């Protein structure tokens, strides 16, 4: 899959090993070399099509990681650098993930991502955001949420409930958006 993506005439200009956008970067597992993963900057891909005002909203990255024997993990990630949780809407985030899954993976590049030759060990959807400055003190967003719930300050978690309620489907998998803080999630193999 990685060679197919790198050699695709439409995608090759939008591939990268630097998974960073808008000042937010996710970590890459130290044991991965550049032949084992590739990121596709899909929002740039759609902007590059010059669709005259019809450019679909899309997430920042799809990262494919080779887990050996034609099995892969896909990371579908949107990055939001903002100072407060209310700076983006749940519907806008859902629309971006919908474009990534239902248009990019299932239609535009179906011949790659729906190819039965490639198996998926996992598919992860992440909203990686700096909106919760307090969360940056913790190891991950889940730990932050747990602490917040303990002190019963649930107002800032409203978007989490809405984001995690919309299911997406791809290759027989039911997927939900997870929220994380940079530099999490770590892009890695799943063995």
N, C-alpha and C. Protein backbone atom coordinates (compact mmCIF):
# COMPACT_ATOMS: atom_id res chain seq x y z
N UNK A 1 0.82 -1.18 0.00
CA UNK A 1 0.00 0.00 0.00
C UNK A 1 0.87 1.26 0.00
N UNK A 2 1.92 1.27 0.79
CA UNK A 2 2.76 2.46 0.89
C UNK A 2 3.42 2.77 -0.45
N UNK A 3 3.94 1.74 -1.13
CA UNK A 3 4.53 1.96 -2.45
C UNK A 3 3.48 2.43 -3.44
N UNK A 4 2.28 1.88 -3.35
CA UNK A 4 1.19 2.28 -4.24
C UNK A 4 0.86 3.75 -4.04
N UNK A 5 0.80 4.19 -2.79
CA UNK A 5 0.50 5.60 -2.48
C UNK A 5 1.63 6.49 -3.01
N UNK A 6 2.88 6.13 -2.71
CA UNK A 6 4.02 6.94 -3.15
C UNK A 6 4.11 7.06 -4.66
N UNK A 7 3.71 5.99 -5.38
CA UNK A 7 3.82 5.96 -6.84
C UNK A 7 2.57 6.48 -7.55
N UNK A 8 1.53 6.79 -6.81
CA UNK A 8 0.30 7.28 -7.43
C UNK A 8 0.51 8.71 -7.94
N UNK A 9 0.22 8.93 -9.21
CA UNK A 9 0.45 10.24 -9.84
C UNK A 9 -0.34 11.36 -9.18
N UNK A 10 -1.52 11.06 -8.66
CA UNK A 10 -2.35 12.09 -8.02
C UNK A 10 -1.91 12.37 -6.59
N UNK A 11 -1.37 11.37 -5.91
CA UNK A 11 -1.06 11.51 -4.49
C UNK A 11 0.39 11.87 -4.19
N UNK A 12 1.31 11.54 -5.09
CA UNK A 12 2.73 11.66 -4.76
C UNK A 12 3.14 13.07 -4.32
N UNK A 13 2.47 14.11 -4.79
CA UNK A 13 2.81 15.48 -4.38
C UNK A 13 2.26 15.84 -3.00
N UNK A 14 1.45 14.97 -2.43
CA UNK A 14 0.81 15.26 -1.15
C UNK A 14 1.24 14.29 -0.05
N UNK A 15 2.31 13.54 -0.30
CA UNK A 15 2.79 12.59 0.70
C UNK A 15 3.93 13.20 1.51
N UNK A 16 4.06 12.74 2.75
CA UNK A 16 5.08 13.27 3.65
C UNK A 16 5.36 12.27 4.77
N UNK A 17 6.49 12.45 5.41
CA UNK A 17 6.81 11.70 6.62
C UNK A 17 6.75 12.61 7.85
N UNK A 18 6.51 13.89 7.64
CA UNK A 18 6.38 14.88 8.71
C UNK A 18 4.89 15.07 8.97
N UNK A 19 4.40 14.55 10.07
CA UNK A 19 2.97 14.61 10.38
C UNK A 19 2.73 15.83 11.27
N UNK A 20 2.67 16.98 10.61
CA UNK A 20 2.57 18.27 11.31
C UNK A 20 1.72 19.22 10.47
N UNK A 21 0.88 19.99 11.16
CA UNK A 21 0.08 21.01 10.51
C UNK A 21 -0.33 22.04 11.55
N UNK A 22 -0.32 23.29 11.17
CA UNK A 22 -0.78 24.39 12.02
C UNK A 22 -0.07 24.41 13.38
N UNK A 23 1.20 24.04 13.39
CA UNK A 23 1.96 24.07 14.63
C UNK A 23 1.72 22.88 15.54
N UNK A 24 0.95 21.91 15.10
CA UNK A 24 0.70 20.70 15.88
C UNK A 24 1.36 19.53 15.16
N UNK A 25 2.06 18.72 15.93
CA UNK A 25 2.77 17.57 15.37
C UNK A 25 2.47 16.35 16.22
N UNK A 26 2.34 15.20 15.57
CA UNK A 26 2.19 13.95 16.33
C UNK A 26 3.50 13.18 16.25
N UNK A 27 3.74 12.39 17.25
CA UNK A 27 4.99 11.64 17.33
C UNK A 27 4.92 10.39 16.45
N UNK A 28 6.06 10.04 15.90
CA UNK A 28 6.24 8.82 15.11
C UNK A 28 7.07 7.87 15.96
N UNK A 29 6.64 6.64 16.08
CA UNK A 29 7.39 5.63 16.83
C UNK A 29 8.82 5.57 16.30
N UNK A 30 9.79 5.61 17.21
CA UNK A 30 11.21 5.60 16.85
C UNK A 30 11.63 4.37 16.07
N UNK A 31 10.89 3.28 16.21
CA UNK A 31 11.29 2.05 15.52
C UNK A 31 10.83 2.01 14.06
N UNK A 32 9.99 2.96 13.64
CA UNK A 32 9.53 3.00 12.25
C UNK A 32 10.55 3.70 11.38
N UNK A 33 10.84 3.10 10.23
CA UNK A 33 11.65 3.84 9.26
C UNK A 33 10.72 4.37 8.18
N UNK A 34 11.23 5.22 7.31
CA UNK A 34 10.39 5.92 6.34
C UNK A 34 9.79 5.01 5.28
N UNK A 35 10.25 3.78 5.19
CA UNK A 35 9.64 2.83 4.25
C UNK A 35 8.42 2.16 4.86
N UNK A 36 8.21 2.32 6.17
CA UNK A 36 7.12 1.63 6.86
C UNK A 36 5.88 2.49 7.08
N UNK A 37 5.94 3.78 6.75
CA UNK A 37 4.75 4.62 6.90
C UNK A 37 4.80 5.76 5.89
N UNK A 38 3.62 6.30 5.61
CA UNK A 38 3.52 7.48 4.74
C UNK A 38 2.27 8.27 5.16
N UNK A 39 2.42 9.58 5.18
CA UNK A 39 1.28 10.45 5.46
C UNK A 39 0.80 11.09 4.17
N UNK A 40 -0.50 11.24 4.05
CA UNK A 40 -1.09 11.92 2.91
C UNK A 40 -1.79 13.16 3.44
N UNK A 41 -1.43 14.31 2.92
CA UNK A 41 -2.02 15.59 3.33
C UNK A 41 -3.28 15.80 2.49
N UNK A 42 -4.40 15.23 2.93
CA UNK A 42 -5.57 15.19 2.05
C UNK A 42 -6.28 16.53 1.93
N UNK A 43 -6.20 17.39 2.93
CA UNK A 43 -6.81 18.71 2.73
C UNK A 43 -6.06 19.48 1.64
N UNK A 44 -4.74 19.33 1.59
CA UNK A 44 -3.96 19.95 0.50
C UNK A 44 -4.30 19.33 -0.84
N UNK A 45 -4.53 18.03 -0.87
CA UNK A 45 -4.91 17.35 -2.11
C UNK A 45 -6.19 17.98 -2.68
N UNK A 46 -7.21 18.12 -1.85
CA UNK A 46 -8.48 18.68 -2.33
C UNK A 46 -8.34 20.16 -2.72
N UNK A 47 -7.55 20.91 -1.98
CA UNK A 47 -7.32 22.31 -2.37
C UNK A 47 -6.58 22.39 -3.70
N UNK A 48 -5.67 21.45 -3.94
CA UNK A 48 -4.90 21.42 -5.18
C UNK A 48 -5.71 21.07 -6.41
N UNK A 49 -6.92 20.57 -6.21
CA UNK A 49 -7.78 20.24 -7.35
C UNK A 49 -8.43 21.48 -7.97
N UNK A 50 -8.38 22.61 -7.26
CA UNK A 50 -8.98 23.87 -7.75
C UNK A 50 -10.41 23.67 -8.22
N UNK A 51 -11.26 23.25 -7.31
CA UNK A 51 -12.64 22.91 -7.64
C UNK A 51 -13.59 24.10 -7.69
N UNK A 52 -13.10 25.30 -7.77
CA UNK A 52 -13.92 26.51 -7.92
C UNK A 52 -15.02 26.62 -6.86
N UNK A 53 -14.63 26.76 -5.62
CA UNK A 53 -15.58 26.96 -4.53
C UNK A 53 -16.26 25.71 -4.03
N UNK A 54 -15.99 24.58 -4.61
CA UNK A 54 -16.60 23.34 -4.19
C UNK A 54 -15.61 22.43 -3.48
N UNK A 55 -14.54 23.00 -2.96
CA UNK A 55 -13.52 22.21 -2.28
C UNK A 55 -14.12 21.60 -1.01
N UNK A 56 -14.11 20.28 -0.91
CA UNK A 56 -14.67 19.66 0.30
C UNK A 56 -13.76 19.89 1.50
N UNK A 57 -14.38 20.01 2.65
CA UNK A 57 -13.62 20.09 3.89
C UNK A 57 -13.10 18.70 4.20
N UNK A 58 -11.81 18.62 4.52
CA UNK A 58 -11.20 17.31 4.79
C UNK A 58 -10.24 17.41 5.96
N UNK A 59 -10.00 16.27 6.60
CA UNK A 59 -9.04 16.21 7.70
C UNK A 59 -7.64 16.51 7.16
N UNK A 60 -6.71 16.71 8.06
CA UNK A 60 -5.34 17.05 7.66
C UNK A 60 -4.58 15.86 7.09
N UNK A 61 -4.66 14.71 7.74
CA UNK A 61 -3.80 13.58 7.35
C UNK A 61 -4.52 12.25 7.37
N UNK A 62 -4.09 11.41 6.46
CA UNK A 62 -4.28 9.96 6.57
C UNK A 62 -2.86 9.39 6.55
N UNK A 63 -2.55 8.60 7.57
CA UNK A 63 -1.23 7.99 7.67
C UNK A 63 -1.41 6.48 7.60
N UNK A 64 -0.72 5.86 6.67
CA UNK A 64 -0.74 4.40 6.54
C UNK A 64 0.56 3.85 7.11
N UNK A 65 0.44 2.84 7.97
CA UNK A 65 1.60 2.20 8.58
C UNK A 65 1.57 0.72 8.23
N UNK A 66 2.68 0.24 7.69
CA UNK A 66 2.83 -1.15 7.29
C UNK A 66 3.06 -2.00 8.54
N UNK A 67 2.16 -2.94 8.78
CA UNK A 67 2.29 -3.84 9.93
C UNK A 67 2.80 -5.21 9.51
N UNK A 68 3.29 -5.34 8.30
CA UNK A 68 3.82 -6.56 7.67
C UNK A 68 2.72 -7.44 7.09
N UNK A 69 3.07 -8.23 6.11
CA UNK A 69 2.19 -9.19 5.45
C UNK A 69 0.93 -8.54 4.87
N UNK A 70 1.10 -7.40 4.24
CA UNK A 70 -0.01 -6.65 3.64
C UNK A 70 -1.10 -6.28 4.63
N UNK A 71 -0.74 -6.09 5.91
CA UNK A 71 -1.67 -5.55 6.91
C UNK A 71 -1.19 -4.16 7.30
N UNK A 72 -2.18 -3.31 7.57
CA UNK A 72 -1.89 -1.90 7.82
C UNK A 72 -2.74 -1.37 8.95
N UNK A 73 -2.27 -0.27 9.52
CA UNK A 73 -3.10 0.54 10.41
C UNK A 73 -3.20 1.89 9.72
N UNK A 74 -4.40 2.45 9.71
CA UNK A 74 -4.62 3.80 9.17
C UNK A 74 -4.91 4.73 10.32
N UNK A 75 -4.26 5.87 10.30
CA UNK A 75 -4.54 6.96 11.23
C UNK A 75 -5.17 8.08 10.41
N UNK A 76 -6.38 8.46 10.76
CA UNK A 76 -7.06 9.56 10.08
C UNK A 76 -7.14 10.68 11.11
N UNK A 77 -6.45 11.81 10.82
CA UNK A 77 -6.25 12.82 11.86
C UNK A 77 -6.56 14.24 11.39
N UNK A 78 -7.26 14.95 12.26
CA UNK A 78 -7.50 16.38 12.09
C UNK A 78 -6.76 17.09 13.21
N UNK A 79 -6.03 18.15 12.89
CA UNK A 79 -5.29 18.93 13.88
C UNK A 79 -5.97 20.28 14.06
N UNK A 80 -6.17 20.68 15.31
CA UNK A 80 -6.76 21.98 15.62
C UNK A 80 -5.92 22.67 16.69
N UNK A 81 -5.30 23.76 16.29
CA UNK A 81 -4.56 24.57 17.25
C UNK A 81 -5.44 25.75 17.61
N UNK A 82 -5.91 25.75 18.84
CA UNK A 82 -6.81 26.79 19.30
C UNK A 82 -6.68 26.92 20.81
N UNK A 83 -7.05 28.05 21.32
CA UNK A 83 -6.92 28.31 22.75
C UNK A 83 -8.12 27.89 23.57
N UNK A 84 -9.23 27.51 22.87
CA UNK A 84 -10.41 27.15 23.66
C UNK A 84 -11.22 26.09 22.92
N UNK A 85 -11.92 25.26 23.68
CA UNK A 85 -12.68 24.16 23.09
C UNK A 85 -13.79 24.60 22.15
N UNK A 86 -14.42 25.72 22.37
CA UNK A 86 -15.53 26.15 21.55
C UNK A 86 -15.13 26.80 20.24
N UNK A 87 -13.85 26.79 19.89
CA UNK A 87 -13.36 27.47 18.69
C UNK A 87 -13.65 26.68 17.41
N UNK A 88 -14.19 25.50 17.51
CA UNK A 88 -14.56 24.72 16.34
C UNK A 88 -15.88 24.03 16.64
N UNK A 89 -16.59 23.66 15.59
CA UNK A 89 -17.88 23.01 15.78
C UNK A 89 -17.78 21.52 15.52
N UNK A 90 -18.60 20.78 16.22
CA UNK A 90 -18.65 19.34 16.06
C UNK A 90 -19.05 18.97 14.63
N UNK A 91 -20.01 19.70 14.07
CA UNK A 91 -20.47 19.38 12.72
C UNK A 91 -19.36 19.58 11.69
N UNK A 92 -18.52 20.60 11.85
CA UNK A 92 -17.41 20.84 10.92
C UNK A 92 -16.37 19.72 11.02
N UNK A 93 -16.09 19.27 12.24
CA UNK A 93 -15.13 18.18 12.43
C UNK A 93 -15.69 16.89 11.81
N UNK A 94 -16.96 16.60 12.07
CA UNK A 94 -17.58 15.40 11.51
C UNK A 94 -17.58 15.45 9.98
N UNK A 95 -17.83 16.62 9.41
CA UNK A 95 -17.82 16.76 7.95
C UNK A 95 -16.44 16.42 7.37
N UNK A 96 -15.39 16.84 8.04
CA UNK A 96 -14.03 16.56 7.57
C UNK A 96 -13.73 15.06 7.59
N UNK A 97 -14.14 14.37 8.66
CA UNK A 97 -13.93 12.93 8.73
C UNK A 97 -14.81 12.20 7.72
N UNK A 98 -16.01 12.70 7.51
CA UNK A 98 -16.91 12.11 6.52
C UNK A 98 -16.29 12.18 5.12
N UNK A 99 -15.71 13.34 4.77
CA UNK A 99 -15.04 13.48 3.48
C UNK A 99 -13.88 12.50 3.36
N UNK A 100 -13.08 12.40 4.42
CA UNK A 100 -11.91 11.51 4.38
C UNK A 100 -12.32 10.06 4.15
N UNK A 101 -13.36 9.62 4.83
CA UNK A 101 -13.75 8.21 4.73
C UNK A 101 -14.62 7.95 3.51
N UNK A 102 -15.69 8.71 3.38
CA UNK A 102 -16.69 8.40 2.36
C UNK A 102 -16.35 8.92 0.97
N UNK A 103 -15.47 9.90 0.87
CA UNK A 103 -15.07 10.36 -0.46
C UNK A 103 -13.65 9.91 -0.82
N UNK A 104 -12.67 10.26 0.05
CA UNK A 104 -11.27 9.97 -0.25
C UNK A 104 -11.00 8.47 -0.28
N UNK A 105 -11.35 7.77 0.80
CA UNK A 105 -11.04 6.34 0.89
C UNK A 105 -11.97 5.46 0.05
N UNK A 106 -13.27 5.77 0.08
CA UNK A 106 -14.26 4.89 -0.56
C UNK A 106 -14.53 5.22 -2.03
N UNK A 107 -14.21 6.46 -2.47
CA UNK A 107 -14.50 6.82 -3.85
C UNK A 107 -13.24 7.17 -4.62
N UNK A 108 -12.63 8.30 -4.25
CA UNK A 108 -11.51 8.84 -5.03
C UNK A 108 -10.33 7.88 -5.12
N UNK A 109 -10.02 7.19 -4.03
CA UNK A 109 -8.87 6.28 -4.03
C UNK A 109 -9.28 4.88 -3.56
N UNK A 110 -10.47 4.50 -3.98
CA UNK A 110 -11.02 3.18 -3.68
C UNK A 110 -10.07 2.08 -4.14
N UNK A 111 -9.45 2.27 -5.29
CA UNK A 111 -8.56 1.24 -5.84
C UNK A 111 -7.34 0.98 -4.95
N UNK A 112 -7.05 1.89 -4.05
CA UNK A 112 -5.97 1.65 -3.08
C UNK A 112 -6.57 1.15 -1.76
N UNK A 113 -7.44 1.95 -1.17
CA UNK A 113 -7.88 1.71 0.21
C UNK A 113 -8.96 0.63 0.35
N UNK A 114 -9.69 0.35 -0.72
CA UNK A 114 -10.70 -0.71 -0.68
C UNK A 114 -10.17 -2.00 -1.33
N UNK A 115 -8.92 -2.00 -1.72
CA UNK A 115 -8.31 -3.16 -2.35
C UNK A 115 -8.24 -4.30 -1.34
N UNK A 116 -8.84 -5.44 -1.70
CA UNK A 116 -8.87 -6.59 -0.79
C UNK A 116 -7.50 -7.14 -0.45
N UNK A 117 -6.51 -6.80 -1.25
CA UNK A 117 -5.14 -7.27 -0.98
C UNK A 117 -4.61 -6.68 0.34
N UNK A 118 -5.08 -5.47 0.68
CA UNK A 118 -4.62 -4.80 1.88
C UNK A 118 -5.61 -5.03 3.02
N UNK A 119 -5.11 -5.52 4.13
CA UNK A 119 -5.93 -5.78 5.32
C UNK A 119 -5.63 -4.70 6.36
N UNK A 120 -6.63 -4.38 7.19
CA UNK A 120 -6.45 -3.36 8.21
C UNK A 120 -6.50 -3.99 9.60
N UNK A 121 -5.40 -3.86 10.31
CA UNK A 121 -5.36 -4.31 11.71
C UNK A 121 -6.19 -3.36 12.56
N UNK A 122 -6.15 -2.06 12.20
CA UNK A 122 -6.93 -1.07 12.93
C UNK A 122 -7.04 0.19 12.08
N UNK A 123 -8.05 0.98 12.38
CA UNK A 123 -8.23 2.29 11.77
C UNK A 123 -8.59 3.22 12.92
N UNK A 124 -7.80 4.27 13.07
CA UNK A 124 -7.99 5.18 14.20
C UNK A 124 -8.32 6.57 13.70
N UNK A 125 -9.35 7.17 14.28
CA UNK A 125 -9.74 8.54 13.96
C UNK A 125 -9.37 9.42 15.15
N UNK A 126 -8.61 10.49 14.87
CA UNK A 126 -8.18 11.37 15.95
C UNK A 126 -8.42 12.83 15.61
N UNK A 127 -8.93 13.56 16.58
CA UNK A 127 -8.90 15.02 16.58
C UNK A 127 -7.79 15.37 17.56
N UNK A 128 -6.70 15.89 17.05
CA UNK A 128 -5.55 16.25 17.89
C UNK A 128 -5.62 17.76 18.07
N UNK A 129 -5.83 18.19 19.31
CA UNK A 129 -6.08 19.61 19.55
C UNK A 129 -5.33 20.13 20.78
N UNK A 130 -4.98 21.39 20.69
CA UNK A 130 -4.36 22.09 21.82
C UNK A 130 -5.40 22.92 22.57
N UNK A 131 -6.69 22.70 22.29
CA UNK A 131 -7.76 23.50 22.88
C UNK A 131 -7.78 23.42 24.39
N UNK A 132 -7.42 22.27 24.92
CA UNK A 132 -7.47 22.10 26.37
C UNK A 132 -6.06 22.26 26.93
N UNK A 133 -5.69 23.49 27.19
CA UNK A 133 -4.33 23.77 27.68
C UNK A 133 -4.03 22.97 28.96
N UNK A 134 -5.04 22.81 29.80
CA UNK A 134 -4.84 22.02 31.02
C UNK A 134 -4.45 20.58 30.68
N UNK A 135 -5.00 20.06 29.60
CA UNK A 135 -4.73 18.66 29.22
C UNK A 135 -3.28 18.45 28.84
N UNK A 136 -2.61 19.50 28.41
CA UNK A 136 -1.22 19.37 27.98
C UNK A 136 -0.32 18.93 29.13
N UNK A 137 -0.79 19.06 30.37
CA UNK A 137 0.00 18.65 31.53
C UNK A 137 -0.04 17.14 31.75
N UNK A 138 -1.01 16.47 31.10
CA UNK A 138 -1.22 15.04 31.32
C UNK A 138 -0.59 14.22 30.20
N UNK A 139 -0.50 12.92 30.42
CA UNK A 139 0.10 12.04 29.42
C UNK A 139 -0.74 11.92 28.16
N UNK A 140 -2.07 11.98 28.33
CA UNK A 140 -2.97 11.88 27.18
C UNK A 140 -4.31 12.49 27.54
N UNK A 141 -5.14 12.63 26.53
CA UNK A 141 -6.42 13.29 26.73
C UNK A 141 -7.35 12.48 27.63
N UNK A 142 -7.31 11.16 27.54
CA UNK A 142 -8.18 10.32 28.37
C UNK A 142 -7.91 10.55 29.86
N UNK A 143 -6.66 10.71 30.21
CA UNK A 143 -6.31 10.97 31.61
C UNK A 143 -6.87 12.33 32.05
N UNK A 144 -6.77 13.31 31.17
CA UNK A 144 -7.33 14.64 31.45
C UNK A 144 -8.83 14.54 31.68
N UNK A 145 -9.54 13.82 30.80
CA UNK A 145 -10.99 13.68 30.94
C UNK A 145 -11.34 13.02 32.26
N UNK A 146 -10.60 12.00 32.62
CA UNK A 146 -10.86 11.30 33.88
C UNK A 146 -10.72 12.25 35.07
N UNK A 147 -9.67 13.05 35.07
CA UNK A 147 -9.45 14.01 36.15
C UNK A 147 -10.56 15.06 36.16
N UNK A 148 -10.92 15.56 34.98
CA UNK A 148 -11.99 16.56 34.89
C UNK A 148 -13.30 16.02 35.43
N UNK A 149 -13.59 14.77 35.12
CA UNK A 149 -14.83 14.18 35.62
C UNK A 149 -14.81 14.05 37.13
N UNK A 150 -13.65 13.77 37.67
CA UNK A 150 -13.53 13.64 39.12
C UNK A 150 -13.87 14.95 39.82
N UNK A 151 -13.51 16.06 39.21
CA UNK A 151 -13.82 17.36 39.82
C UNK A 151 -15.15 17.92 39.31
N UNK A 152 -15.86 17.11 38.53
CA UNK A 152 -17.20 17.42 38.02
C UNK A 152 -17.29 18.74 37.27
N UNK A 153 -16.31 18.98 36.44
CA UNK A 153 -16.35 20.14 35.56
C UNK A 153 -16.61 19.63 34.15
N UNK A 154 -17.86 19.34 33.83
CA UNK A 154 -18.19 18.67 32.59
C UNK A 154 -18.52 19.63 31.45
N UNK A 155 -18.62 20.90 31.68
CA UNK A 155 -19.00 21.84 30.62
C UNK A 155 -18.06 21.80 29.43
N UNK A 156 -16.77 21.72 29.67
CA UNK A 156 -15.80 21.75 28.57
C UNK A 156 -15.74 20.43 27.81
N UNK A 157 -16.49 19.43 28.28
CA UNK A 157 -16.44 18.13 27.63
C UNK A 157 -17.63 17.89 26.70
N UNK A 158 -18.47 18.90 26.50
CA UNK A 158 -19.65 18.75 25.66
C UNK A 158 -19.33 18.30 24.25
N UNK A 159 -18.32 18.87 23.64
CA UNK A 159 -17.97 18.47 22.28
C UNK A 159 -17.49 17.03 22.22
N UNK A 160 -16.84 16.54 23.27
CA UNK A 160 -16.37 15.16 23.28
C UNK A 160 -17.54 14.19 23.15
N UNK A 161 -18.61 14.45 23.87
CA UNK A 161 -19.76 13.56 23.81
C UNK A 161 -20.34 13.53 22.41
N UNK A 162 -20.46 14.70 21.79
CA UNK A 162 -21.01 14.76 20.44
C UNK A 162 -20.09 14.12 19.42
N UNK A 163 -18.77 14.37 19.52
CA UNK A 163 -17.83 13.79 18.57
C UNK A 163 -17.83 12.28 18.65
N UNK A 164 -17.89 11.76 19.85
CA UNK A 164 -17.78 10.32 20.00
C UNK A 164 -19.10 9.60 19.70
N UNK A 165 -20.19 10.33 19.48
CA UNK A 165 -21.46 9.69 19.19
C UNK A 165 -21.66 9.39 17.71
N UNK A 166 -20.97 10.05 16.81
CA UNK A 166 -21.17 9.83 15.38
C UNK A 166 -20.28 8.69 14.91
N UNK A 167 -20.88 7.60 14.50
CA UNK A 167 -20.06 6.49 13.99
C UNK A 167 -19.74 6.66 12.51
N UNK A 168 -18.58 6.18 12.13
CA UNK A 168 -18.18 6.10 10.73
C UNK A 168 -17.92 4.63 10.44
N UNK A 169 -18.08 4.22 9.18
CA UNK A 169 -17.88 2.84 8.80
C UNK A 169 -16.89 2.77 7.66
N UNK A 170 -15.93 1.86 7.78
CA UNK A 170 -15.01 1.61 6.69
C UNK A 170 -14.48 0.19 6.79
N UNK A 171 -14.57 -0.53 5.70
CA UNK A 171 -14.10 -1.91 5.59
C UNK A 171 -14.60 -2.79 6.74
N UNK A 172 -15.87 -2.64 7.06
CA UNK A 172 -16.49 -3.47 8.08
C UNK A 172 -16.16 -3.07 9.50
N UNK A 173 -15.52 -1.94 9.66
CA UNK A 173 -15.16 -1.49 11.01
C UNK A 173 -16.01 -0.28 11.39
N UNK A 174 -16.49 -0.28 12.61
CA UNK A 174 -17.22 0.84 13.19
C UNK A 174 -16.20 1.74 13.86
N UNK A 175 -16.14 3.01 13.46
CA UNK A 175 -15.09 3.92 13.90
C UNK A 175 -15.69 5.14 14.60
N UNK A 176 -15.01 5.60 15.64
CA UNK A 176 -15.41 6.81 16.36
C UNK A 176 -14.21 7.74 16.48
N UNK A 177 -14.46 9.02 16.47
CA UNK A 177 -13.40 10.01 16.64
C UNK A 177 -12.97 10.02 18.10
N UNK A 178 -11.66 9.96 18.30
CA UNK A 178 -11.08 10.11 19.64
C UNK A 178 -10.37 11.45 19.70
N UNK A 179 -10.39 12.08 20.82
CA UNK A 179 -9.67 13.33 20.99
C UNK A 179 -8.34 13.02 21.65
N UNK A 180 -7.28 13.73 21.22
CA UNK A 180 -5.96 13.58 21.81
C UNK A 180 -5.27 14.93 21.85
N UNK A 181 -4.22 14.99 22.64
CA UNK A 181 -3.40 16.19 22.74
C UNK A 181 -2.06 15.91 22.09
N UNK A 182 -1.46 16.94 21.47
CA UNK A 182 -0.14 16.72 20.87
C UNK A 182 0.91 16.48 21.95
N UNK A 183 1.93 15.68 21.74
CA UNK A 183 2.30 14.98 20.51
C UNK A 183 1.63 13.63 20.35
N UNK A 184 0.68 13.28 21.23
CA UNK A 184 -0.09 12.05 21.06
C UNK A 184 -1.01 12.25 19.87
N UNK A 185 -1.46 11.32 19.16
CA UNK A 185 -1.11 9.91 19.30
C UNK A 185 0.24 9.61 18.67
N UNK A 186 0.84 8.56 19.09
CA UNK A 186 2.08 8.12 18.48
C UNK A 186 1.72 7.19 17.33
N UNK A 187 2.19 7.55 16.13
CA UNK A 187 1.97 6.73 14.96
C UNK A 187 2.90 5.53 15.08
N UNK A 188 2.29 4.32 15.10
CA UNK A 188 3.09 3.11 15.32
C UNK A 188 2.45 1.91 14.61
N UNK A 189 3.25 0.87 14.54
CA UNK A 189 2.76 -0.40 14.03
C UNK A 189 1.89 -1.08 15.08
N UNK A 190 1.00 -1.91 14.59
CA UNK A 190 0.23 -2.78 15.47
C UNK A 190 0.58 -4.20 15.02
N UNK A 191 1.14 -4.95 15.93
CA UNK A 191 1.57 -6.32 15.58
C UNK A 191 0.58 -7.36 16.05
